[in-house]
C-alpha atoms as a PDB file:
ATOM      1  CA  UNK A   1      35.530  60.342 -75.331  1.00  0.00           C
ATOM      2  CA  UNK A   2      35.631  63.001 -77.809  1.00  0.00           C
ATOM      3  CA  UNK A   3      39.495  63.797 -77.580  1.00  0.00           C
ATOM      4  CA  UNK A   4      40.203  60.241 -77.267  1.00  0.00           C
ATOM      5  CA  UNK A   5      41.842  59.729 -80.454  1.00  0.00           C
ATOM      6  CA  UNK A   6      42.913  63.275 -81.222  1.00  0.00           C
ATOM      7  CA  UNK A   7      44.237  64.024 -77.830  1.00  0.00           C
ATOM      8  CA  UNK A   8      44.756  60.803 -75.503  1.00  0.00           C
ATOM      9  CA  UNK A   9      46.608  62.735 -72.762  1.00  0.00           C
ATOM     10  CA  UNK A  10      43.868  65.227 -72.285  1.00  0.00           C
ATOM     11  CA  UNK A  11      41.088  62.545 -72.793  1.00  0.00           C
ATOM     12  CA  UNK A  12      42.780  60.655 -69.875  1.00  0.00           C
ATOM     13  CA  UNK A  13      42.901  63.817 -67.968  1.00  0.00           C
ATOM     14  CA  UNK A  14      39.051  64.666 -68.348  1.00  0.00           C
ATOM     15  CA  UNK A  15      38.122  60.990 -67.561  1.00  0.00           C
ATOM     16  CA  UNK A  16      40.160  61.035 -64.463  1.00  0.00           C
ATOM     17  CA  UNK A  17      38.493  64.023 -63.436  1.00  0.00           C
ATOM     18  CA  UNK A  18      35.063  62.979 -64.178  1.00  0.00           C
ATOM     19  CA  UNK A  19      35.667  59.838 -61.920  1.00  0.00           C
ATOM     20  CA  UNK A  20      36.798  62.041 -58.986  1.00  0.00           C
ATOM     21  CA  UNK A  21      33.708  64.358 -59.492  1.00  0.00           C
ATOM     22  CA  UNK A  22      31.306  61.435 -59.651  1.00  0.00           C
ATOM     23  CA  UNK A  23      32.790  59.654 -56.655  1.00  0.00           C
ATOM     24  CA  UNK A  24      32.132  62.691 -54.780  1.00  0.00           C
ATOM     25  CA  UNK A  25      28.516  63.181 -55.795  1.00  0.00           C
ATOM     26  CA  UNK A  26      28.204  59.397 -55.110  1.00  0.00           C
ATOM     27  CA  UNK A  27      29.521  59.891 -51.605  1.00  0.00           C
ATOM     28  CA  UNK A  28      27.835  62.835 -50.696  1.00  0.00           C
ATOM     29  CA  UNK A  29      24.283  62.597 -52.387  1.00  0.00           C
ATOM     30  CA  UNK A  30      22.236  65.958 -52.428  1.00  0.00           C
ATOM     31  CA  UNK A  31      21.175  68.954 -54.569  1.00  0.00           C
ATOM     32  CA  UNK A  32      23.873  72.046 -55.071  1.00  0.00           C
ATOM     33  CA  UNK A  33      21.396  74.509 -53.983  1.00  0.00           C
ATOM     34  CA  UNK A  34      20.517  72.880 -50.624  1.00  0.00           C
ATOM     35  CA  UNK A  35      23.784  74.330 -49.769  1.00  0.00           C
ATOM     36  CA  UNK A  36      24.130  77.403 -52.173  1.00  0.00           C
ATOM     37  CA  UNK A  37      20.646  78.589 -51.111  1.00  0.00           C
ATOM     38  CA  UNK A  38      20.051  82.210 -52.149  1.00  0.00           C
ATOM     39  CA  UNK A  39      23.037  82.428 -54.408  1.00  0.00           C
ATOM     40  CA  UNK A  40      21.257  79.963 -57.016  1.00  0.00           C
ATOM     41  CA  UNK A  41      17.500  80.420 -56.335  1.00  0.00           C
ATOM     42  CA  UNK A  42      15.071  80.681 -57.420  1.00  0.00           C
ATOM     43  CA  UNK A  43      16.664  80.991 -61.090  1.00  0.00           C
ATOM     44  CA  UNK A  44      18.776  77.900 -60.862  1.00  0.00           C
ATOM     45  CA  UNK A  45      17.604  75.781 -57.896  1.00  0.00           C
ATOM     46  CA  UNK A  46      17.791  72.042 -58.502  1.00  0.00           C
ATOM     47  CA  UNK A  47      13.708  71.609 -58.713  1.00  0.00           C
ATOM     48  CA  UNK A  48      14.245  68.097 -59.921  1.00  0.00           C
ATOM     49  CA  UNK A  49      16.391  67.075 -57.219  1.00  0.00           C
ATOM     50  CA  UNK A  50      19.786  65.364 -57.366  1.00  0.00           C
ATOM     51  CA  UNK A  51      18.893  61.633 -58.792  1.00  0.00           C
ATOM     52  CA  UNK A  52      18.784  62.851 -62.363  1.00  0.00           C
ATOM     53  CA  UNK A  53      22.513  64.155 -62.148  1.00  0.00           C
ATOM     54  CA  UNK A  54      23.788  60.943 -60.483  1.00  0.00           C
ATOM     55  CA  UNK A  55      21.845  58.946 -63.407  1.00  0.00           C
ATOM     56  CA  UNK A  56      23.264  61.227 -66.042  1.00  0.00           C
ATOM     57  CA  UNK A  57      26.876  60.942 -64.561  1.00  0.00           C
ATOM     58  CA  UNK A  58      26.827  57.363 -64.375  1.00  0.00           C
ATOM     59  CA  UNK A  59      25.383  56.788 -67.806  1.00  0.00           C
ATOM     60  CA  UNK A  60      28.122  58.693 -69.592  1.00  0.00           C
ATOM     61  CA  UNK A  61      30.757  57.034 -67.368  1.00  0.00           C
ATOM     62  CA  UNK A  62      29.522  53.628 -68.008  1.00  0.00           C
ATOM     63  CA  UNK A  63      29.568  54.357 -71.878  1.00  0.00           C
ATOM     64  CA  UNK A  64      33.231  55.885 -71.284  1.00  0.00           C
ATOM     65  CA  UNK A  65      34.529  52.889 -69.135  1.00  0.00           C
ATOM     66  CA  UNK A  66      32.740  49.915 -69.265  1.00  0.00           C
ATOM     67  CA  UNK A  67      33.231  49.772 -65.563  1.00  0.00           C
ATOM     68  CA  UNK A  68      30.510  47.719 -63.933  1.00  0.00           C
ATOM     69  CA  UNK A  69      30.535  49.493 -60.899  1.00  0.00           C
ATOM     70  CA  UNK A  70      28.662  52.659 -62.519  1.00  0.00           C
ATOM     71  CA  UNK A  71      26.146  50.075 -63.968  1.00  0.00           C
ATOM     72  CA  UNK A  72      25.495  48.731 -60.543  1.00  0.00           C
ATOM     73  CA  UNK A  73      25.031  52.080 -59.331  1.00  0.00           C
ATOM     74  CA  UNK A  74      22.724  53.458 -61.782  1.00  0.00           C
ATOM     75  CA  UNK A  75      20.483  50.341 -61.551  1.00  0.00           C
ATOM     76  CA  UNK A  76      19.973  50.978 -57.743  1.00  0.00           C
ATOM     77  CA  UNK A  77      19.151  54.630 -58.012  1.00  0.00           C
ATOM     78  CA  UNK A  78      15.338  54.334 -58.336  1.00  0.00           C
ATOM     79  CA  UNK A  79      15.338  57.231 -60.648  1.00  0.00           C
ATOM     80  CA  UNK A  80      12.042  55.938 -62.115  1.00  0.00           C
ATOM     81  CA  UNK A  81      10.029  58.813 -62.261  1.00  0.00           C
ATOM     82  CA  UNK A  82       8.130  59.620 -65.807  1.00  0.00           C
ATOM     83  CA  UNK A  83       9.003  62.820 -67.527  1.00  0.00           C
ATOM     84  CA  UNK A  84       8.050  64.817 -70.512  1.00  0.00           C
ATOM     85  CA  UNK A  85      11.027  67.338 -70.458  1.00  0.00           C
ATOM     86  CA  UNK A  86      14.952  67.318 -70.817  1.00  0.00           C
ATOM     87  CA  UNK A  87      16.670  70.356 -69.457  1.00  0.00           C
ATOM     88  CA  UNK A  88      19.624  71.737 -67.468  1.00  0.00           C
ATOM     89  CA  UNK A  89      17.651  70.828 -64.118  1.00  0.00           C
ATOM     90  CA  UNK A  90      15.800  67.274 -65.217  1.00  0.00           C
ATOM     91  CA  UNK A  91      18.351  65.082 -67.226  1.00  0.00           C
ATOM     92  CA  UNK A  92      16.463  61.838 -66.748  1.00  0.00           C
ATOM     93  CA  UNK A  93      15.169  61.550 -70.272  1.00  0.00           C
ATOM     94  CA  UNK A  94      18.774  62.271 -71.650  1.00  0.00           C
ATOM     95  CA  UNK A  95      20.198  59.867 -69.470  1.00  0.00           C
ATOM     96  CA  UNK A  96      17.596  56.983 -70.562  1.00  0.00           C
ATOM     97  CA  UNK A  97      18.220  57.740 -74.459  1.00  0.00           C
ATOM     98  CA  UNK A  98      21.806  57.182 -73.807  1.00  0.00           C
ATOM     99  CA  UNK A  99      21.395  54.093 -71.725  1.00  0.00           C
ATOM    100  CA  UNK A 100      18.541  52.732 -74.435  1.00  0.00           C
ATOM    101  CA  UNK A 101      21.565  52.644 -76.896  1.00  0.00           C
ATOM    102  CA  UNK A 102      22.983  49.707 -75.486  1.00  0.00           C
ATOM    103  CA  UNK A 103      19.771  47.907 -76.251  1.00  0.00           C
ATOM    104  CA  UNK A 104      18.960  49.093 -79.750  1.00  0.00           C
ATOM    105  CA  UNK A 105      22.567  49.289 -80.954  1.00  0.00           C
ATOM    106  CA  UNK A 106      24.539  47.100 -79.141  1.00  0.00           C
ATOM    107  CA  UNK A 107      21.547  44.357 -78.320  1.00  0.00           C
ATOM    108  CA  UNK A 108      22.409  44.217 -74.743  1.00  0.00           C
ATOM    109  CA  UNK A 109      18.800  43.572 -72.950  1.00  0.00           C
ATOM    110  CA  UNK A 110      20.148  44.649 -69.834  1.00  0.00           C
ATOM    111  CA  UNK A 111      19.098  48.261 -70.609  1.00  0.00           C
ATOM    112  CA  UNK A 112      15.410  47.281 -71.819  1.00  0.00           C
ATOM    113  CA  UNK A 113      13.595  49.097 -68.841  1.00  0.00           C
ATOM    114  CA  UNK A 114      15.628  52.334 -69.857  1.00  0.00           C
ATOM    115  CA  UNK A 115      14.706  51.637 -73.529  1.00  0.00           C
ATOM    116  CA  UNK A 116      10.967  51.345 -72.428  1.00  0.00           C
ATOM    117  CA  UNK A 117      11.391  54.526 -70.324  1.00  0.00           C
ATOM    118  CA  UNK A 118      12.915  56.407 -73.427  1.00  0.00           C
ATOM    119  CA  UNK A 119       9.945  55.464 -75.634  1.00  0.00           C
ATOM    120  CA  UNK A 120       7.490  56.414 -72.834  1.00  0.00           C
ATOM    121  CA  UNK A 121       9.156  59.994 -73.196  1.00  0.00           C
ATOM    122  CA  UNK A 122       8.800  59.928 -76.792  1.00  0.00           C
ATOM    123  CA  UNK A 123       5.186  59.098 -76.515  1.00  0.00           C
ATOM    124  CA  UNK A 124       4.652  61.989 -74.130  1.00  0.00           C
ATOM    125  CA  UNK A 125       6.126  64.536 -76.925  1.00  0.00           C
ATOM    126  CA  UNK A 126       4.608  63.180 -80.274  1.00  0.00           C
ATOM    127  CA  UNK A 127       1.534  65.199 -81.078  1.00  0.00           C
ATOM    128  CA  UNK A 128      -0.618  62.436 -82.257  1.00  0.00           C
ATOM    129  CA  UNK A 129       0.322  59.869 -79.329  1.00  0.00           C
ATOM    130  CA  UNK A 130      -2.979  59.061 -77.462  1.00  0.00           C
ATOM    131  CA  UNK A 131      -0.199  59.672 -74.208  1.00  0.00           C
ATOM    132  CA  UNK A 132       1.163  63.033 -75.447  1.00  0.00           C
ATOM    133  CA  UNK A 133       1.475  65.613 -72.770  1.00  0.00           C
ATOM    134  CA  UNK A 134       3.386  67.960 -74.804  1.00  0.00           C
ATOM    135  CA  UNK A 135       1.125  71.126 -76.253  1.00  0.00           C
ATOM    136  CA  UNK A 136       1.824  72.602 -79.471  1.00  0.00           C
ATOM    137  CA  UNK A 137       1.399  76.296 -80.798  1.00  0.00           C
ATOM    138  CA  UNK A 138      -0.920  76.938 -83.515  1.00  0.00           C
ATOM    139  CA  UNK A 139       2.493  77.185 -85.770  1.00  0.00           C
ATOM    140  CA  UNK A 140       3.713  74.047 -84.895  1.00  0.00           C
ATOM    141  CA  UNK A 141       6.035  74.605 -82.020  1.00  0.00           C
ATOM    142  CA  UNK A 142       6.277  72.681 -78.637  1.00  0.00           C
ATOM    143  CA  UNK A 143       5.395  74.647 -75.835  1.00  0.00           C
ATOM    144  CA  UNK A 144       6.337  73.612 -72.516  1.00  0.00           C
ATOM    145  CA  UNK A 145       6.676  76.654 -70.129  1.00  0.00           C
ATOM    146  CA  UNK A 146       6.176  80.537 -70.636  1.00  0.00           C
ATOM    147  CA  UNK A 147       9.444  81.356 -69.880  1.00  0.00           C
ATOM    148  CA  UNK A 148      12.554  80.639 -72.194  1.00  0.00           C
ATOM    149  CA  UNK A 149      10.337  77.658 -73.846  1.00  0.00           C
ATOM    150  CA  UNK A 150      13.113  77.350 -76.639  1.00  0.00           C
ATOM    151  CA  UNK A 151      15.397  75.744 -73.997  1.00  0.00           C
ATOM    152  CA  UNK A 152      12.906  72.839 -73.777  1.00  0.00           C
ATOM    153  CA  UNK A 153      12.474  72.646 -77.347  1.00  0.00           C
ATOM    154  CA  UNK A 154      16.120  72.327 -78.389  1.00  0.00           C
ATOM    155  CA  UNK A 155      16.879  70.029 -75.615  1.00  0.00           C
ATOM    156  CA  UNK A 156      13.921  67.619 -76.578  1.00  0.00           C
ATOM    157  CA  UNK A 157      14.692  67.962 -80.197  1.00  0.00           C
ATOM    158  CA  UNK A 158      18.230  66.820 -79.544  1.00  0.00           C
ATOM    159  CA  UNK A 159      16.888  63.743 -78.117  1.00  0.00           C
ATOM    160  CA  UNK A 160      14.363  63.036 -80.885  1.00  0.00           C
ATOM    161  CA  UNK A 161      17.287  63.401 -83.181  1.00  0.00           C
ATOM    162  CA  UNK A 162      19.604  61.094 -81.068  1.00  0.00           C
ATOM    163  CA  UNK A 163      16.909  58.090 -80.808  1.00  0.00           C
ATOM    164  CA  UNK A 164      16.079  58.592 -84.308  1.00  0.00           C
ATOM    165  CA  UNK A 165      19.670  57.866 -85.060  1.00  0.00           C
ATOM    166  CA  UNK A 166      19.865  54.930 -82.907  1.00  0.00           C
ATOM    167  CA  UNK A 167      16.323  53.513 -84.459  1.00  0.00           C
ATOM    168  CA  UNK A 168      17.540  54.047 -87.710  1.00  0.00           C
ATOM    169  CA  UNK A 169      21.010  52.124 -87.084  1.00  0.00           C
ATOM    170  CA  UNK A 170      18.861  49.193 -85.788  1.00  0.00           C
ATOM    171  CA  UNK A 171      15.881  49.636 -88.111  1.00  0.00           C
ATOM    172  CA  UNK A 172      13.699  49.660 -85.106  1.00  0.00           C
ATOM    173  CA  UNK A 173      10.036  50.849 -84.516  1.00  0.00           C
ATOM    174  CA  UNK A 174       7.943  51.197 -81.658  1.00  0.00           C
ATOM    175  CA  UNK A 175       4.085  51.972 -80.750  1.00  0.00           C
ATOM    176  CA  UNK A 176       2.671  54.694 -78.664  1.00  0.00           C
ATOM    177  CA  UNK A 177      -0.740  52.963 -78.304  1.00  0.00           C
ATOM    178  CA  UNK A 178      -1.914  52.758 -81.864  1.00  0.00           C
ATOM    179  CA  UNK A 179       0.584  55.073 -83.339  1.00  0.00           C
ATOM    180  CA  UNK A 180       3.572  53.638 -84.855  1.00  0.00           C
ATOM    181  CA  UNK A 181       6.643  55.317 -84.624  1.00  0.00           C
ATOM    182  CA  UNK A 182      10.020  55.121 -86.841  1.00  0.00           C
ATOM    183  CA  UNK A 183      13.101  56.893 -87.173  1.00  0.00           C
ATOM    184  CA  UNK A 184      11.209  59.055 -89.741  1.00  0.00           C
ATOM    185  CA  UNK A 185       8.626  60.250 -87.121  1.00  0.00           C
ATOM    186  CA  UNK A 186      11.187  61.554 -84.900  1.00  0.00           C
ATOM    187  CA  UNK A 187      13.247  62.995 -87.379  1.00  0.00           C
ATOM    188  CA  UNK A 188      10.223  64.682 -89.083  1.00  0.00           C
ATOM    189  CA  UNK A 189       9.386  66.211 -85.831  1.00  0.00           C
ATOM    190  CA  UNK A 190      12.540  67.230 -85.060  1.00  0.00           C
ATOM    191  CA  UNK A 191      12.825  69.067 -88.411  1.00  0.00           C
ATOM    192  CA  UNK A 192       9.923  70.848 -88.080  1.00  0.00           C
ATOM    193  CA  UNK A 193      10.961  72.274 -84.443  1.00  0.00           C
ATOM    194  CA  UNK A 194      14.374  73.194 -86.030  1.00  0.00           C
ATOM    195  CA  UNK A 195      12.770  75.090 -89.119  1.00  0.00           C
ATOM    196  CA  UNK A 196      10.302  77.082 -87.250  1.00  0.00           C
ATOM    197  CA  UNK A 197      13.359  78.414 -84.731  1.00  0.00           C
ATOM    198  CA  UNK A 198      14.948  79.367 -88.163  1.00  0.00           C
ATOM    199  CA  UNK A 199      12.130  81.237 -89.688  1.00  0.00           C
ATOM    200  CA  UNK A 200       9.516  78.792 -90.874  1.00  0.00           C
ATOM    201  CA  UNK A 201       6.568  80.357 -88.244  1.00  0.00           C
ATOM    202  CA  UNK A 202       3.605  82.810 -88.309  1.00  0.00           C
ATOM    203  CA  UNK A 203       6.078  85.873 -87.656  1.00  0.00           C
ATOM    204  CA  UNK A 204       8.488  84.427 -90.433  1.00  0.00           C
ATOM    205  CA  UNK A 205      11.053  85.291 -87.804  1.00  0.00           C
ATOM    206  CA  UNK A 206      14.256  83.519 -87.008  1.00  0.00           C
ATOM    207  CA  UNK A 207      14.951  83.373 -83.136  1.00  0.00           C
ATOM    208  CA  UNK A 208      18.597  82.953 -84.099  1.00  0.00           C
ATOM    209  CA  UNK A 209      20.099  86.345 -84.037  1.00  0.00           C
ATOM    210  CA  UNK A 210      21.670  87.038 -87.359  1.00  0.00           C
ATOM    211  CA  UNK A 211      20.361  84.413 -89.168  1.00  0.00           C
ATOM    212  CA  UNK A 212      18.334  85.383 -92.096  1.00  0.00           C
ATOM    213  CA  UNK A 213      16.710  89.168 -92.247  1.00  0.00           C
ATOM    214  CA  UNK A 214      14.211  89.104 -89.544  1.00  0.00           C
ATOM    215  CA  UNK A 215      15.295  87.943 -86.192  1.00  0.00           C
ATOM    216  CA  UNK A 216      15.434  89.576 -82.749  1.00  0.00           C
ATOM    217  CA  UNK A 217      17.028  92.899 -82.492  1.00  0.00           C
ATOM    218  CA  UNK A 218      16.631  93.714 -78.984  1.00  0.00           C
ATOM    219  CA  UNK A 219      17.886  90.748 -77.204  1.00  0.00           C
ATOM    220  CA  UNK A 220      18.327  90.804 -73.299  1.00  0.00           C
ATOM    221  CA  UNK A 221      22.035  90.677 -73.316  1.00  0.00           C
ATOM    222  CA  UNK A 222      24.570  93.258 -71.851  1.00  0.00           C
ATOM    223  CA  UNK A 223      27.511  92.872 -74.372  1.00  0.00           C
ATOM    224  CA  UNK A 224      24.618  93.151 -77.049  1.00  0.00           C
ATOM    225  CA  UNK A 225      22.878  96.106 -76.071  1.00  0.00           C
ATOM    226  CA  UNK A 226      25.843  98.452 -74.958  1.00  0.00           C
ATOM    227  CA  UNK A 227      27.820  99.856 -77.614  1.00  0.00           C
ATOM    228  CA  UNK A 228      31.260  99.061 -78.226  1.00  0.00           C
ATOM    229  CA  UNK A 229      34.191 101.138 -76.816  1.00  0.00           C
ATOM    230  CA  UNK A 230      35.397 101.937 -80.240  1.00  0.00           C
ATOM    231  CA  UNK A 231      31.696 103.914 -80.655  1.00  0.00           C
ATOM    232  CA  UNK A 232      31.674 104.849 -77.067  1.00  0.00           C
ATOM    233  CA  UNK A 233      34.939 105.145 -75.420  1.00  0.00           C
ATOM    234  CA  UNK A 234      33.766 106.157 -72.033  1.00  0.00           C
ATOM    235  CA  UNK A 235      33.717 103.586 -69.507  1.00  0.00           C
ATOM    236  CA  UNK A 236      30.174 102.412 -67.849  1.00  0.00           C
ATOM    237  CA  UNK A 237      29.733 101.697 -64.183  1.00  0.00           C
ATOM    238  CA  UNK A 238      28.256  98.321 -63.165  1.00  0.00           C
ATOM    239  CA  UNK A 239      24.731 100.108 -62.619  1.00  0.00           C
ATOM    240  CA  UNK A 240      25.175 102.509 -65.705  1.00  0.00           C
ATOM    241  CA  UNK A 241      23.442 102.278 -68.885  1.00  0.00           C
ATOM    242  CA  UNK A 242      20.192 101.174 -67.957  1.00  0.00           C
ATOM    243  CA  UNK A 243      18.430 104.363 -69.097  1.00  0.00           C
ATOM    244  CA  UNK A 244      20.467 104.928 -72.253  1.00  0.00           C
ATOM    245  CA  UNK A 245      20.400 101.396 -73.384  1.00  0.00           C
ATOM    246  CA  UNK A 246      18.445  98.719 -71.541  1.00  0.00           C
ATOM    247  CA  UNK A 247      15.001 100.907 -71.454  1.00  0.00           C
ATOM    248  CA  UNK A 248      15.471 102.297 -74.928  1.00  0.00           C
ATOM    249  CA  UNK A 249      13.388 100.624 -78.161  1.00  0.00           C
ATOM    250  CA  UNK A 250      16.339 101.224 -80.110  1.00  0.00           C
ATOM    251  CA  UNK A 251      17.919  97.966 -81.853  1.00  0.00           C
ATOM    252  CA  UNK A 252      21.135  96.624 -80.026  1.00  0.00           C
ATOM    253  CA  UNK A 253      24.363  98.028 -81.359  1.00  0.00           C
ATOM    254  CA  UNK A 254      26.080  94.710 -81.337  1.00  0.00           C
ATOM    255  CA  UNK A 255      24.580  91.564 -83.275  1.00  0.00           C
ATOM    256  CA  UNK A 256      25.206  88.664 -81.343  1.00  0.00           C
ATOM    257  CA  UNK A 257      25.530  86.276 -84.032  1.00  0.00           C
ATOM    258  CA  UNK A 258      24.194  82.650 -83.534  1.00  0.00           C
ATOM    259  CA  UNK A 259      22.424  83.388 -80.492  1.00  0.00           C
ATOM    260  CA  UNK A 260      19.060  81.846 -79.733  1.00  0.00           C
ATOM    261  CA  UNK A 261      16.450  83.624 -77.595  1.00  0.00           C
ATOM    262  CA  UNK A 262      13.896  82.191 -75.124  1.00  0.00           C
ATOM    263  CA  UNK A 263      11.454  82.650 -77.949  1.00  0.00           C
ATOM    264  CA  UNK A 264       7.835  83.050 -78.360  1.00  0.00           C
ATOM    265  CA  UNK A 265       4.634  82.911 -76.040  1.00  0.00           C
ATOM    266  CA  UNK A 266       2.216  79.855 -76.754  1.00  0.00           C
ATOM    267  CA  UNK A 267       0.200  82.364 -79.428  1.00  0.00           C
ATOM    268  CA  UNK A 268       3.147  82.211 -81.522  1.00  0.00           C
ATOM    269  CA  UNK A 269       3.915  85.944 -80.604  1.00  0.00           C
ATOM    270  CA  UNK A 270       7.240  87.697 -79.999  1.00  0.00           C
ATOM    271  CA  UNK A 271       7.413  91.022 -78.310  1.00  0.00           C
ATOM    272  CA  UNK A 272      11.382  91.719 -79.318  1.00  0.00           C
ATOM    273  CA  UNK A 273      11.787  93.635 -75.820  1.00  0.00           C
ATOM    274  CA  UNK A 274      15.045  93.473 -74.277  1.00  0.00           C
ATOM    275  CA  UNK A 275      13.015  94.047 -70.544  1.00  0.00           C
ATOM    276  CA  UNK A 276      11.128  90.874 -71.299  1.00  0.00           C
ATOM    277  CA  UNK A 277      13.946  88.457 -70.266  1.00  0.00           C
ATOM    278  CA  UNK A 278      11.791  85.338 -70.775  1.00  0.00           C
ATOM    279  CA  UNK A 279      11.612  85.586 -74.238  1.00  0.00           C
ATOM    280  CA  UNK A 280      14.468  87.601 -75.376  1.00  0.00           C
ATOM    281  CA  UNK A 281      17.330  86.335 -73.480  1.00  0.00           C
ATOM    282  CA  UNK A 282      19.886  83.959 -75.047  1.00  0.00           C
ATOM    283  CA  UNK A 283      21.477  81.156 -73.129  1.00  0.00           C
ATOM    284  CA  UNK A 284      24.195  78.651 -73.631  1.00  0.00           C
ATOM    285  CA  UNK A 285      21.730  75.780 -72.627  1.00  0.00           C
ATOM    286  CA  UNK A 286      19.589  76.917 -75.493  1.00  0.00           C
ATOM    287  CA  UNK A 287      22.300  77.283 -78.008  1.00  0.00           C
ATOM    288  CA  UNK A 288      24.223  73.810 -76.963  1.00  0.00           C
ATOM    289  CA  UNK A 289      21.232  71.853 -77.087  1.00  0.00           C
ATOM    290  CA  UNK A 290      20.533  72.550 -80.967  1.00  0.00           C
ATOM    291  CA  UNK A 291      23.991  71.967 -82.424  1.00  0.00           C
ATOM    292  CA  UNK A 292      23.318  67.996 -82.278  1.00  0.00           C
ATOM    293  CA  UNK A 293      19.988  68.440 -84.256  1.00  0.00           C
ATOM    294  CA  UNK A 294      21.456  70.971 -86.912  1.00  0.00           C
ATOM    295  CA  UNK A 295      24.440  68.652 -87.553  1.00  0.00           C
ATOM    296  CA  UNK A 296      22.052  65.488 -87.661  1.00  0.00           C
ATOM    297  CA  UNK A 297      19.591  67.359 -90.024  1.00  0.00           C
ATOM    298  CA  UNK A 298      22.869  68.634 -92.064  1.00  0.00           C
ATOM    299  CA  UNK A 299      24.182  65.153 -92.501  1.00  0.00           C
ATOM    300  CA  UNK A 300      20.716  63.634 -93.250  1.00  0.00           C
ATOM    301  CA  UNK A 301      19.684  65.943 -95.905  1.00  0.00           C
ATOM    302  CA  UNK A 302      23.168  66.609 -97.501  1.00  0.00           C
ATOM    303  CA  UNK A 303      22.980  62.524 -98.079  1.00  0.00           C
END
């Protein structure tokens, strides 16, 4: 979809490949970690099962093709579990927000149930909602899980800004019990989360490496913690360097500009210790999710 106008040939290749992958997934249902076992677990097991991936894939292919077979498939999946999280493992909320667009923007009532599920998700996130199941630190950050919490913050914030955009386009509001929710409600909450990550927090620390003066200096990242070849031309073996570079309290010699680490604990604290991977490790599933909110907020406030 992204390349459809600028590179139609590449776009067609991507779409054709996506269809083949989806056909395989529809024919051979199951979680990838059931086959890969110890190669994926315990860190990247499919704890949420496989229906969320099928819903996610079918939703995007329906959006890209308008092929009714994908709509028929996703309507019979039975992926109806309530959720208050969005992550690389559990994609239910993302698929529901995407499908809700059909009702909010295109006024297609066939997707009303997905809109209701998307709003149920939002009501589980908003702090003053009677059905909220999301904790917030004293400093105002969503706190979902102790390990790599910012992956959930950036992913959920992405959905907040996406749904806010749909609501704004249709001038739509909804209620969480007696709490009225507008596009501004979601946008303000999203901005609060992004601002926290970028430094408006009790520690006055930016959790994006290289942004502002105070940021994590000892991130859990091999390329960042081992000196460059220019300053240390000797080669390192795969198991070398731990004592000299991993366990040292010195700052990383290479600044991984733009990387967002796993983040703080429930008390707004951050140890800045590369051995503590659950808080100091950056990951693509943290960074990728914040691109949308940053673009949305930049566009909103520049206009």
